PDB file of all heavy atoms in Angstrom:
ATOM      1  N   PRO A   1      -2.676  -5.320  18.409  1.00  0.00           N
ATOM      2  CA  PRO A   1      -3.420  -4.323  17.627  1.00  0.00           C
ATOM      3  C   PRO A   1      -3.262  -2.922  18.203  1.00  0.00           C
ATOM      4  O   PRO A   1      -2.899  -2.745  19.384  1.00  0.00           O
ATOM      5  CB  PRO A   1      -4.868  -4.801  17.756  1.00  0.00           C
ATOM      6  CG  PRO A   1      -4.912  -5.550  19.056  1.00  0.00           C
ATOM      7  CD  PRO A   1      -3.562  -6.189  19.206  1.00  0.00           C
ATOM      8  N   ASP A   2      -3.553  -1.922  17.380  1.00  0.00           N
ATOM      9  CA  ASP A   2      -3.406  -0.537  17.811  1.00  0.00           C
ATOM     10  C   ASP A   2      -4.244  -0.223  19.038  1.00  0.00           C
ATOM     11  O   ASP A   2      -3.816   0.554  19.909  1.00  0.00           O
ATOM     12  CB  ASP A   2      -3.805   0.419  16.674  1.00  0.00           C
ATOM     13  CG  ASP A   2      -2.784   0.434  15.548  1.00  0.00           C
ATOM     14  OD1 ASP A   2      -1.771  -0.284  15.660  1.00  0.00           O
ATOM     15  OD2 ASP A   2      -3.008   1.153  14.557  1.00  0.00           O
ATOM     16  N   ASP A   3      -5.444  -0.799  19.124  1.00  0.00           N
ATOM     17  CA  ASP A   3      -6.319  -0.448  20.242  1.00  0.00           C
ATOM     18  C   ASP A   3      -5.875  -1.073  21.567  1.00  0.00           C
ATOM     19  O   ASP A   3      -6.471  -0.819  22.608  1.00  0.00           O
ATOM     20  CB  ASP A   3      -7.770  -0.808  19.943  1.00  0.00           C
ATOM     21  CG  ASP A   3      -7.991  -2.297  19.676  1.00  0.00           C
ATOM     22  OD1 ASP A   3      -7.035  -3.086  19.835  1.00  0.00           O
ATOM     23  OD2 ASP A   3      -9.120  -2.673  19.311  1.00  0.00           O
ATOM     24  N   ALA A   4      -4.822  -1.893  21.540  1.00  0.00           N
ATOM     25  CA  ALA A   4      -4.260  -2.447  22.774  1.00  0.00           C
ATOM     26  C   ALA A   4      -3.065  -1.646  23.249  1.00  0.00           C
ATOM     27  O   ALA A   4      -2.429  -2.016  24.246  1.00  0.00           O
ATOM     28  CB  ALA A   4      -3.856  -3.901  22.558  1.00  0.00           C
ATOM     29  N   LEU A   5      -2.740  -0.552  22.551  1.00  0.00           N
ATOM     30  CA  LEU A   5      -1.585   0.274  22.882  1.00  0.00           C
ATOM     31  C   LEU A   5      -2.011   1.582  23.526  1.00  0.00           C
ATOM     32  O   LEU A   5      -3.015   2.186  23.141  1.00  0.00           O
ATOM     33  CB  LEU A   5      -0.754   0.581  21.638  1.00  0.00           C
ATOM     34  CG  LEU A   5      -0.135  -0.599  20.881  1.00  0.00           C
ATOM     35  CD1 LEU A   5       0.585  -0.086  19.650  1.00  0.00           C
ATOM     36  CD2 LEU A   5       0.815  -1.385  21.775  1.00  0.00           C
ATOM     37  N   HIS A   6      -1.234   2.028  24.487  1.00  0.00           N
ATOM     38  CA  HIS A   6      -1.371   3.361  25.066  1.00  0.00           C
ATOM     39  C   HIS A   6      -0.085   4.115  24.739  1.00  0.00           C
ATOM     40  O   HIS A   6       0.915   3.985  25.442  1.00  0.00           O
ATOM     41  CB  HIS A   6      -1.586   3.282  26.573  1.00  0.00           C
ATOM     42  CG  HIS A   6      -2.825   2.551  26.973  1.00  0.00           C
ATOM     43  ND1 HIS A   6      -4.074   3.138  27.016  1.00  0.00           N
ATOM     44  CD2 HIS A   6      -3.017   1.248  27.329  1.00  0.00           C
ATOM     45  CE1 HIS A   6      -4.969   2.252  27.394  1.00  0.00           C
ATOM     46  NE2 HIS A   6      -4.358   1.091  27.577  1.00  0.00           N
ATOM     47  N   PRO A   7      -0.079   4.882  23.633  1.00  0.00           N
ATOM     48  CA  PRO A   7       1.170   5.493  23.161  1.00  0.00           C
ATOM     49  C   PRO A   7       1.678   6.615  24.075  1.00  0.00           C
ATOM     50  O   PRO A   7       0.899   7.380  24.627  1.00  0.00           O
ATOM     51  CB  PRO A   7       0.793   6.046  21.784  1.00  0.00           C
ATOM     52  CG  PRO A   7      -0.498   5.385  21.425  1.00  0.00           C
ATOM     53  CD  PRO A   7      -1.188   5.125  22.723  1.00  0.00           C
ATOM     54  N   TYR A   8       2.997   6.666  24.205  1.00  0.00           N
ATOM     55  CA  TYR A   8       3.695   7.783  24.829  1.00  0.00           C
ATOM     56  C   TYR A   8       4.580   8.368  23.730  1.00  0.00           C
ATOM     57  O   TYR A   8       5.764   8.063  23.632  1.00  0.00           O
ATOM     58  CB  TYR A   8       4.536   7.306  26.011  1.00  0.00           C
ATOM     59  CG  TYR A   8       3.745   7.000  27.258  1.00  0.00           C
ATOM     60  CD1 TYR A   8       2.870   5.919  27.304  1.00  0.00           C
ATOM     61  CD2 TYR A   8       3.858   7.800  28.394  1.00  0.00           C
ATOM     62  CE1 TYR A   8       2.132   5.643  28.440  1.00  0.00           C
ATOM     63  CE2 TYR A   8       3.124   7.528  29.541  1.00  0.00           C
ATOM     64  CZ  TYR A   8       2.263   6.451  29.556  1.00  0.00           C
ATOM     65  OH  TYR A   8       1.533   6.175  30.690  1.00  0.00           O
ATOM     66  N   GLY A   9       3.989   9.186  22.854  1.00  0.00           N
ATOM     67  CA  GLY A   9       4.696   9.648  21.675  1.00  0.00           C
ATOM     68  C   GLY A   9       4.655   8.593  20.584  1.00  0.00           C
ATOM     69  O   GLY A   9       3.831   7.679  20.595  1.00  0.00           O
ATOM     70  N   ARG A  10       5.594   8.695  19.623  1.00  0.00           N
ATOM     71  CA  ARG A  10       5.574   7.811  18.454  1.00  0.00           C
ATOM     72  C   ARG A  10       6.356   6.520  18.658  1.00  0.00           C
ATOM     73  O   ARG A  10       6.191   5.568  17.907  1.00  0.00           O
ATOM     74  CB  ARG A  10       6.138   8.552  17.227  1.00  0.00           C
ATOM     75  CG  ARG A  10       5.314   9.765  16.802  1.00  0.00           C
ATOM     76  CD  ARG A  10       5.837  10.365  15.505  1.00  0.00           C
ATOM     77  NE  ARG A  10       5.633   9.465  14.372  1.00  0.00           N
ATOM     78  CZ  ARG A  10       6.615   8.893  13.686  1.00  0.00           C
ATOM     79  NH1 ARG A  10       7.881   9.098  14.024  1.00  0.00           N
ATOM     80  NH2 ARG A  10       6.345   8.102  12.657  1.00  0.00           N
ATOM     81  N   HIS A  11       7.218   6.462  19.689  1.00  0.00           N
ATOM     82  CA  HIS A  11       8.150   5.344  19.779  1.00  0.00           C
ATOM     83  C   HIS A  11       8.085   4.570  21.087  1.00  0.00           C
ATOM     84  O   HIS A  11       8.920   3.695  21.333  1.00  0.00           O
ATOM     85  CB  HIS A  11       9.585   5.859  19.556  1.00  0.00           C
ATOM     86  CG  HIS A  11       9.740   6.581  18.258  1.00  0.00           C
ATOM     87  ND1 HIS A  11      10.147   7.895  18.188  1.00  0.00           N
ATOM     88  CD2 HIS A  11       9.512   6.185  16.984  1.00  0.00           C
ATOM     89  CE1 HIS A  11      10.181   8.278  16.915  1.00  0.00           C
ATOM     90  NE2 HIS A  11       9.803   7.270  16.165  1.00  0.00           N
ATOM     91  N   ILE A  12       7.120   4.890  21.937  1.00  0.00           N
ATOM     92  CA  ILE A  12       6.945   4.202  23.218  1.00  0.00           C
ATOM     93  C   ILE A  12       5.451   3.961  23.409  1.00  0.00           C
ATOM     94  O   ILE A  12       4.632   4.833  23.105  1.00  0.00           O
ATOM     95  CB  ILE A  12       7.472   5.042  24.400  1.00  0.00           C
ATOM     96  CG1 ILE A  12       8.961   5.356  24.237  1.00  0.00           C
ATOM     97  CG2 ILE A  12       7.225   4.345  25.737  1.00  0.00           C
ATOM     98  CD1 ILE A  12       9.484   6.381  25.254  1.00  0.00           C
ATOM     99  N   ALA A  13       5.109   2.792  23.923  1.00  0.00           N
ATOM    100  CA  ALA A  13       3.698   2.533  24.237  1.00  0.00           C
ATOM    101  C   ALA A  13       3.608   1.537  25.371  1.00  0.00           C
ATOM    102  O   ALA A  13       4.477   0.679  25.551  1.00  0.00           O
ATOM    103  CB  ALA A  13       2.950   2.005  23.016  1.00  0.00           C
ATOM    104  N   LYS A  14       2.539   1.649  26.134  1.00  0.00           N
ATOM    105  CA  LYS A  14       2.195   0.627  27.107  1.00  0.00           C
ATOM    106  C   LYS A  14       1.185  -0.340  26.477  1.00  0.00           C
ATOM    107  O   LYS A  14       0.381   0.059  25.629  1.00  0.00           O
ATOM    108  CB  LYS A  14       1.610   1.253  28.378  1.00  0.00           C
ATOM    109  CG  LYS A  14       2.681   1.849  29.292  1.00  0.00           C
ATOM    110  CD  LYS A  14       2.102   2.278  30.615  1.00  0.00           C
ATOM    111  CE  LYS A  14       3.208   2.581  31.609  1.00  0.00           C
ATOM    112  NZ  LYS A  14       3.912   1.367  32.047  1.00  0.00           N
ATOM    113  N   ILE A  15       1.256  -1.595  26.896  1.00  0.00           N
ATOM    114  CA  ILE A  15       0.342  -2.623  26.391  1.00  0.00           C
ATOM    115  C   ILE A  15      -0.783  -2.791  27.401  1.00  0.00           C
ATOM    116  O   ILE A  15      -0.544  -3.006  28.593  1.00  0.00           O
ATOM    117  CB  ILE A  15       1.075  -3.956  26.167  1.00  0.00           C
ATOM    118  CG1 ILE A  15       2.289  -3.752  25.259  1.00  0.00           C
ATOM    119  CG2 ILE A  15       0.128  -4.994  25.578  1.00  0.00           C
ATOM    120  CD1 ILE A  15       3.150  -4.990  25.098  1.00  0.00           C
ATOM    121  N   ASP A  16      -1.989  -2.717  26.929  1.00  0.00           N
ATOM    122  CA  ASP A  16      -3.175  -2.694  27.775  1.00  0.00           C
ATOM    123  C   ASP A  16      -3.316  -3.969  28.615  1.00  0.00           C
ATOM    124  O   ASP A  16      -2.997  -5.074  28.166  1.00  0.00           O
ATOM    125  CB  ASP A  16      -4.414  -2.525  26.891  1.00  0.00           C
ATOM    126  CG  ASP A  16      -5.674  -2.317  27.687  1.00  0.00           C
ATOM    127  OD1 ASP A  16      -5.874  -1.206  28.200  1.00  0.00           O
ATOM    128  OD2 ASP A  16      -6.448  -3.289  27.821  1.00  0.00           O
ATOM    129  N   HIS A  17      -3.835  -3.799  29.836  1.00  0.00           N
ATOM    130  CA  HIS A  17      -4.064  -4.945  30.722  1.00  0.00           C
ATOM    131  C   HIS A  17      -4.927  -6.014  30.048  1.00  0.00           C
ATOM    132  O   HIS A  17      -4.682  -7.216  30.183  1.00  0.00           O
ATOM    133  CB  HIS A  17      -4.767  -4.492  32.009  1.00  0.00           C
ATOM    134  CG  HIS A  17      -3.886  -3.752  32.959  1.00  0.00           C
ATOM    135  ND1 HIS A  17      -2.755  -4.307  33.503  1.00  0.00           N
ATOM    136  CD2 HIS A  17      -3.998  -2.494  33.483  1.00  0.00           C
ATOM    137  CE1 HIS A  17      -2.193  -3.426  34.327  1.00  0.00           C
ATOM    138  NE2 HIS A  17      -2.913  -2.321  34.322  1.00  0.00           N
ATOM    139  N   GLY A  18      -5.961  -5.555  29.335  1.00  0.00           N
ATOM    140  CA  GLY A  18      -6.866  -6.513  28.696  1.00  0.00           C
ATOM    141  C   GLY A  18      -6.162  -7.387  27.674  1.00  0.00           C
ATOM    142  O   GLY A  18      -6.415  -8.601  27.590  1.00  0.00           O
ATOM    143  N   HIS A  19      -5.271  -6.807  26.897  1.00  0.00           N
ATOM    144  CA  HIS A  19      -4.540  -7.603  25.903  1.00  0.00           C
ATOM    145  C   HIS A  19      -3.588  -8.570  26.599  1.00  0.00           C
ATOM    146  O   HIS A  19      -3.435  -9.716  26.136  1.00  0.00           O
ATOM    147  CB  HIS A  19      -3.755  -6.687  24.965  1.00  0.00           C
ATOM    148  CG  HIS A  19      -3.138  -7.410  23.811  1.00  0.00           C
ATOM    149  ND1 HIS A  19      -3.864  -7.833  22.725  1.00  0.00           N
ATOM    150  CD2 HIS A  19      -1.860  -7.835  23.590  1.00  0.00           C
ATOM    151  CE1 HIS A  19      -3.071  -8.461  21.870  1.00  0.00           C
ATOM    152  NE2 HIS A  19      -1.858  -8.482  22.382  1.00  0.00           N
ATOM    153  N   ILE A  20      -2.961  -8.140  27.690  1.00  0.00           N
ATOM    154  CA  ILE A  20      -2.073  -9.039  28.437  1.00  0.00           C
ATOM    155  C   ILE A  20      -2.859 -10.242  28.958  1.00  0.00           C
ATOM    156  O   ILE A  20      -2.398 -11.394  28.857  1.00  0.00           O
ATOM    157  CB  ILE A  20      -1.410  -8.284  29.612  1.00  0.00           C
ATOM    158  CG1 ILE A  20      -0.512  -7.145  29.094  1.00  0.00           C
ATOM    159  CG2 ILE A  20      -0.618  -9.249  30.484  1.00  0.00           C
ATOM    160  CD1 ILE A  20       0.666  -7.577  28.286  1.00  0.00           C
ATOM    161  N   ARG A  21      -4.068 -10.008  29.495  1.00  0.00           N
ATOM    162  CA  ARG A  21      -4.896 -11.128  29.974  1.00  0.00           C
ATOM    163  C   ARG A  21      -5.255 -12.065  28.837  1.00  0.00           C
ATOM    164  O   ARG A  21      -5.315 -13.284  29.004  1.00  0.00           O
ATOM    165  CB  ARG A  21      -6.170 -10.602  30.636  1.00  0.00           C
ATOM    166  CG  ARG A  21      -5.952 -10.000  32.011  1.00  0.00           C
ATOM    167  CD  ARG A  21      -7.281  -9.810  32.728  1.00  0.00           C
ATOM    168  NE  ARG A  21      -8.168  -8.897  32.012  1.00  0.00           N
ATOM    169  CZ  ARG A  21      -8.189  -7.581  32.191  1.00  0.00           C
ATOM    170  NH1 ARG A  21      -7.359  -7.015  33.055  1.00  0.00           N
ATOM    171  NH2 ARG A  21      -9.028  -6.827  31.506  1.00  0.00           N
ATOM    172  N   GLY A  22      -5.480 -11.510  27.653  1.00  0.00           N
ATOM    173  CA  GLY A  22      -5.868 -12.321  26.507  1.00  0.00           C
ATOM    174  C   GLY A  22      -4.767 -13.227  25.990  1.00  0.00           C
ATOM    175  O   GLY A  22      -5.023 -14.133  25.195  1.00  0.00           O
ATOM    176  N   LEU A  23      -3.525 -12.991  26.436  1.00  0.00           N
ATOM    177  CA  LEU A  23      -2.396 -13.812  25.993  1.00  0.00           C
ATOM    178  C   LEU A  23      -2.251 -15.100  26.800  1.00  0.00           C
ATOM    179  O   LEU A  23      -1.467 -15.973  26.424  1.00  0.00           O
ATOM    180  CB  LEU A  23      -1.092 -13.012  26.110  1.00  0.00           C
ATOM    181  CG  LEU A  23      -0.950 -11.747  25.256  1.00  0.00           C
ATOM    182  CD1 LEU A  23       0.334 -11.006  25.648  1.00  0.00           C
ATOM    183  CD2 LEU A  23      -0.922 -12.095  23.779  1.00  0.00           C
ATOM    184  N   GLU A  24      -2.984 -15.220  27.903  1.00  0.00           N
ATOM    185  CA  GLU A  24      -2.719 -16.301  28.852  1.00  0.00           C
ATOM    186  C   GLU A  24      -2.910 -17.690  28.266  1.00  0.00           C
ATOM    187  O   GLU A  24      -2.295 -18.654  28.720  1.00  0.00           O
ATOM    188  CB  GLU A  24      -3.590 -16.119  30.098  1.00  0.00           C
ATOM    189  CG  GLU A  24      -3.171 -14.907  30.931  1.00  0.00           C
ATOM    190  CD  GLU A  24      -4.067 -14.681  32.138  1.00  0.00           C
ATOM    191  OE1 GLU A  24      -5.000 -15.503  32.337  1.00  0.00           O
ATOM    192  OE2 GLU A  24      -3.845 -13.699  32.869  1.00  0.00           O
ATOM    193  N   ALA A  25      -3.760 -17.823  27.256  1.00  0.00           N
ATOM    194  CA  ALA A  25      -4.003 -19.145  26.677  1.00  0.00           C
ATOM    195  C   ALA A  25      -2.931 -19.547  25.662  1.00  0.00           C
ATOM    196  O   ALA A  25      -2.884 -20.702  25.233  1.00  0.00           O
ATOM    197  CB  ALA A  25      -5.377 -19.172  26.007  1.00  0.00           C
ATOM    198  N   LYS A  26      -2.068 -18.611  25.278  1.00  0.00           N
ATOM    199  CA  LYS A  26      -1.059 -18.902  24.265  1.00  0.00           C
ATOM    200  C   LYS A  26       0.095 -19.720  24.847  1.00  0.00           C
ATOM    201  O   LYS A  26       0.440 -19.581  26.021  1.00  0.00           O
ATOM    202  CB  LYS A  26      -0.494 -17.594  23.671  1.00  0.00           C
ATOM    203  CG  LYS A  26      -1.463 -16.859  22.764  1.00  0.00           C
ATOM    204  CD  LYS A  26      -0.726 -15.763  22.018  1.00  0.00           C
ATOM    205  CE  LYS A  26      -1.590 -15.171  20.914  1.00  0.00           C
ATOM    206  NZ  LYS A  26      -0.824 -14.225  20.082  1.00  0.00           N
ATOM    207  N   PRO A  27       0.724 -20.570  24.035  1.00  0.00           N
ATOM    208  CA  PRO A  27       1.907 -21.305  24.521  1.00  0.00           C
ATOM    209  C   PRO A  27       3.073 -20.351  24.743  1.00  0.00           C
ATOM    210  O   PRO A  27       3.155 -19.287  24.125  1.00  0.00           O
ATOM    211  CB  PRO A  27       2.197 -22.291  23.383  1.00  0.00           C
ATOM    212  CG  PRO A  27       1.595 -21.663  22.168  1.00  0.00           C
ATOM    213  CD  PRO A  27       0.386 -20.917  22.640  1.00  0.00           C
ATOM    214  N   GLU A  28       3.999 -20.746  25.615  1.00  0.00           N
ATOM    215  CA  GLU A  28       5.139 -19.905  25.933  1.00  0.00           C
ATOM    216  C   GLU A  28       6.362 -20.301  25.126  1.00  0.00           C
ATOM    217  O   GLU A  28       6.569 -21.471  24.822  1.00  0.00           O
ATOM    218  CB  GLU A  28       5.464 -19.988  27.431  1.00  0.00           C
ATOM    219  CG  GLU A  28       4.381 -19.384  28.314  1.00  0.00           C
ATOM    220  CD  GLU A  28       4.823 -19.259  29.757  1.00  0.00           C
ATOM    221  OE1 GLU A  28       5.840 -19.885  30.124  1.00  0.00           O
ATOM    222  OE2 GLU A  28       4.158 -18.530  30.519  1.00  0.00           O
ATOM    223  N   GLY A  29       7.160 -19.298  24.785  1.00  0.00           N
ATOM    224  CA  GLY A  29       8.403 -19.538  24.066  1.00  0.00           C
ATOM    225  C   GLY A  29       9.527 -19.946  25.007  1.00  0.00           C
ATOM    226  O   GLY A  29       9.311 -20.312  26.163  1.00  0.00           O
ATOM    227  N   LYS A  30      10.742 -19.868  24.504  1.00  0.00           N
ATOM    228  CA  LYS A  30      11.935 -20.260  25.260  1.00  0.00           C
ATOM    229  C   LYS A  30      12.497 -19.052  25.993  1.00  0.00           C
ATOM    230  O   LYS A  30      12.662 -17.972  25.413  1.00  0.00           O
ATOM    231  CB  LYS A  30      13.007 -20.812  24.311  1.00  0.00           C
ATOM    232  CG  LYS A  30      12.534 -21.959  23.418  1.00  0.00           C
ATOM    233  CD  LYS A  30      12.489 -23.262  24.170  1.00  0.00           C
ATOM    234  CE  LYS A  30      12.222 -24.418  23.224  1.00  0.00           C
ATOM    235  NZ  LYS A  30      12.243 -25.726  23.926  1.00  0.00           N
ATOM    236  N   LEU A  31      12.826 -19.241  27.266  1.00  0.00           N
ATOM    237  CA  LEU A  31      13.353 -18.162  28.092  1.00  0.00           C
ATOM    238  C   LEU A  31      14.871 -18.288  28.213  1.00  0.00           C
ATOM    239  O   LEU A  31      15.388 -19.344  28.598  1.00  0.00           O
ATOM    240  CB  LEU A  31      12.715 -18.208  29.478  1.00  0.00           C
ATOM    241  CG  LEU A  31      13.146 -17.126  30.479  1.00  0.00           C
ATOM    242  CD1 LEU A  31      12.854 -15.731  29.944  1.00  0.00           C
ATOM    243  CD2 LEU A  31      12.439 -17.337  31.815  1.00  0.00           C
ATOM    244  N   ILE A  32      15.570 -17.208  27.896  1.00  0.00           N
ATOM    245  CA  ILE A  32      17.033 -17.177  27.946  1.00  0.00           C
ATOM    246  C   ILE A  32      17.451 -16.085  28.931  1.00  0.00           C
ATOM    247  O   ILE A  32      17.045 -14.926  28.793  1.00  0.00           O
ATOM    248  CB  ILE A  32      17.630 -16.894  26.558  1.00  0.00           C
ATOM    249  CG1 ILE A  32      17.257 -18.020  25.594  1.00  0.00           C
ATOM    250  CG2 ILE A  32      19.141 -16.734  26.633  1.00  0.00           C
ATOM    251  CD1 ILE A  32      17.075 -17.564  24.177  1.00  0.00           C
ATOM    252  N   LEU A  33      18.241 -16.457  29.912  1.00  0.00           N
ATOM    253  CA  LEU A  33      18.725 -15.513  30.920  1.00  0.00           C
ATOM    254  C   LEU A  33      20.145 -15.078  30.590  1.00  0.00           C
ATOM    255  O   LEU A  33      21.002 -15.909  30.303  1.00  0.00           O
ATOM    256  CB  LEU A  33      18.705 -16.161  32.305  1.00  0.00           C
ATOM    257  CG  LEU A  33      19.352 -15.342  33.432  1.00  0.00           C
ATOM    258  CD1 LEU A  33      18.551 -14.075  33.719  1.00  0.00           C
ATOM    259  CD2 LEU A  33      19.501 -16.177  34.692  1.00  0.00           C
ATOM    260  N   VAL A  34      20.391 -13.770  30.662  1.00  0.00           N
ATOM    261  CA  VAL A  34      21.737 -13.220  30.516  1.00  0.00           C
ATOM    262  C   VAL A  34      22.193 -12.704  31.872  1.00  0.00           C
ATOM    263  O   VAL A  34      21.525 -11.876  32.495  1.00  0.00           O
ATOM    264  CB  VAL A  34      21.775 -12.084  29.475  1.00  0.00           C
ATOM    265  CG1 VAL A  34      23.186 -11.506  29.367  1.00  0.00           C
ATOM    266  CG2 VAL A  34      21.313 -12.586  28.113  1.00  0.00           C
ATOM    267  N   THR A  35      23.329 -13.216  32.332  1.00  0.00           N
ATOM    268  CA  THR A  35      23.921 -12.772  33.583  1.00  0.00           C
ATOM    269  C   THR A  35      25.404 -12.492  33.323  1.00  0.00           C
ATOM    270  O   THR A  35      25.806 -12.388  32.159  1.00  0.00           O
ATOM    271  CB  THR A  35      23.686 -13.822  34.694  1.00  0.00           C
ATOM    272  OG1 THR A  35      24.219 -13.323  35.937  1.00  0.00           O
ATOM    273  CG2 THR A  35      24.341 -15.148  34.362  1.00  0.00           C
ATOM    274  N   ALA A  36      26.217 -12.359  34.363  1.00  0.00           N
ATOM    275  CA  ALA A  36      27.597 -11.912  34.121  1.00  0.00           C
ATOM    276  C   ALA A  36      28.503 -12.331  35.267  1.00  0.00           C
ATOM    277  O   ALA A  36      28.061 -12.824  36.304  1.00  0.00           O
ATOM    278  CB  ALA A  36      27.639 -10.391  33.968  1.00  0.00           C
ATOM    279  N   ILE A  37      29.796 -12.090  35.050  1.00  0.00           N
ATOM    280  CA  ILE A  37      30.791 -12.242  36.110  1.00  0.00           C
ATOM    281  C   ILE A  37      30.628 -11.079  37.093  1.00  0.00           C
ATOM    282  O   ILE A  37      29.820 -10.167  36.876  1.00  0.00           O
ATOM    283  CB  ILE A  37      32.221 -12.270  35.537  1.00  0.00           C
ATOM    284  CG1 ILE A  37      32.544 -10.946  34.811  1.00  0.00           C
ATOM    285  CG2 ILE A  37      32.401 -13.448  34.597  1.00  0.00           C
ATOM    286  CD1 ILE A  37      33.997 -10.827  34.371  1.00  0.00           C
ATOM    287  N   SER A  38      31.378 -11.091  38.176  1.00  0.00           N
ATOM    288  CA  SER A  38      31.329  -9.986  39.143  1.00  0.00           C
ATOM    289  C   SER A  38      31.782  -8.701  38.458  1.00  0.00           C
ATOM    290  O   SER A  38      32.861  -8.659  37.850  1.00  0.00           O
ATOM    291  CB  SER A  38      32.232 -10.289  40.337  1.00  0.00           C
ATOM    292  OG  SER A  38      31.856 -11.501  40.965  1.00  0.00           O
ATOM    293  N   PRO A  39      30.988  -7.643  38.528  1.00  0.00           N
ATOM    294  CA  PRO A  39      31.311  -6.422  37.775  1.00  0.00           C
ATOM    295  C   PRO A  39      32.579  -5.737  38.268  1.00  0.00           C
ATOM    296  O   PRO A  39      32.939  -5.840  39.442  1.00  0.00           O
ATOM    297  CB  PRO A  39      30.079  -5.538  37.988  1.00  0.00           C
ATOM    298  CG  PRO A  39      29.437  -6.064  39.224  1.00  0.00           C
ATOM    299  CD  PRO A  39      29.719  -7.526  39.252  1.00  0.00           C
ATOM    300  N   THR A  40      33.226  -5.051  37.341  1.00  0.00           N
ATOM    301  CA  THR A  40      34.457  -4.301  37.627  1.00  0.00           C
ATOM    302  C   THR A  40      34.372  -2.936  36.960  1.00  0.00           C
ATOM    303  O   THR A  40      33.526  -2.724  36.073  1.00  0.00           O
ATOM    304  CB  THR A  40      35.689  -5.032  37.058  1.00  0.00           C
ATOM    305  OG1 THR A  40      35.636  -4.956  35.623  1.00  0.00           O
ATOM    306  CG2 THR A  40      35.741  -6.485  37.498  1.00  0.00           C
ATOM    307  N   PRO A  41      35.237  -2.006  37.314  1.00  0.00           N
ATOM    308  CA  PRO A  41      35.275  -0.714  36.607  1.00  0.00           C
ATOM    309  C   PRO A  41      35.652  -0.847  35.136  1.00  0.00           C
ATOM    310  O   PRO A  41      35.482   0.106  34.366  1.00  0.00           O
ATOM    311  CB  PRO A  41      36.341   0.071  37.379  1.00  0.00           C
ATOM    312  CG  PRO A  41      36.379  -0.550  38.728  1.00  0.00           C
ATOM    313  CD  PRO A  41      36.111  -2.003  38.503  1.00  0.00           C
ATOM    314  N   ALA A  42      36.152  -2.025  34.720  1.00  0.00           N
ATOM    315  CA  ALA A  42      36.525  -2.222  33.318  1.00  0.00           C
ATOM    316  C   ALA A  42      35.306  -2.411  32.422  1.00  0.00           C
ATOM    317  O   ALA A  42      35.397  -2.265  31.209  1.00  0.00           O
ATOM    318  CB  ALA A  42      37.448  -3.439  33.194  1.00  0.00           C
ATOM    319  N   GLY A  43      34.175  -2.772  32.999  1.00  0.00           N
ATOM    320  CA  GLY A  43      32.957  -2.946  32.218  1.00  0.00           C
ATOM    321  C   GLY A  43      32.793  -4.352  31.685  1.00  0.00           C
ATOM    322  O   GLY A  43      33.760  -4.996  31.283  1.00  0.00           O
TER     323      GLY A  43
END
C-alpha cells in the first residue's frame, strides 16, 4: 500500500520496516540465483 512507501521522487521508494515485518507469515516463492563464468574484458 501507499502508506508503506517512503518515496524518493516518482520512481523510487523505500519499503517501510513495518510492512516488511508484516510479510513474515507469508509463504516464500522460488529463489533463482544468477551467476557467471570468470569475468573477462569481453563482457
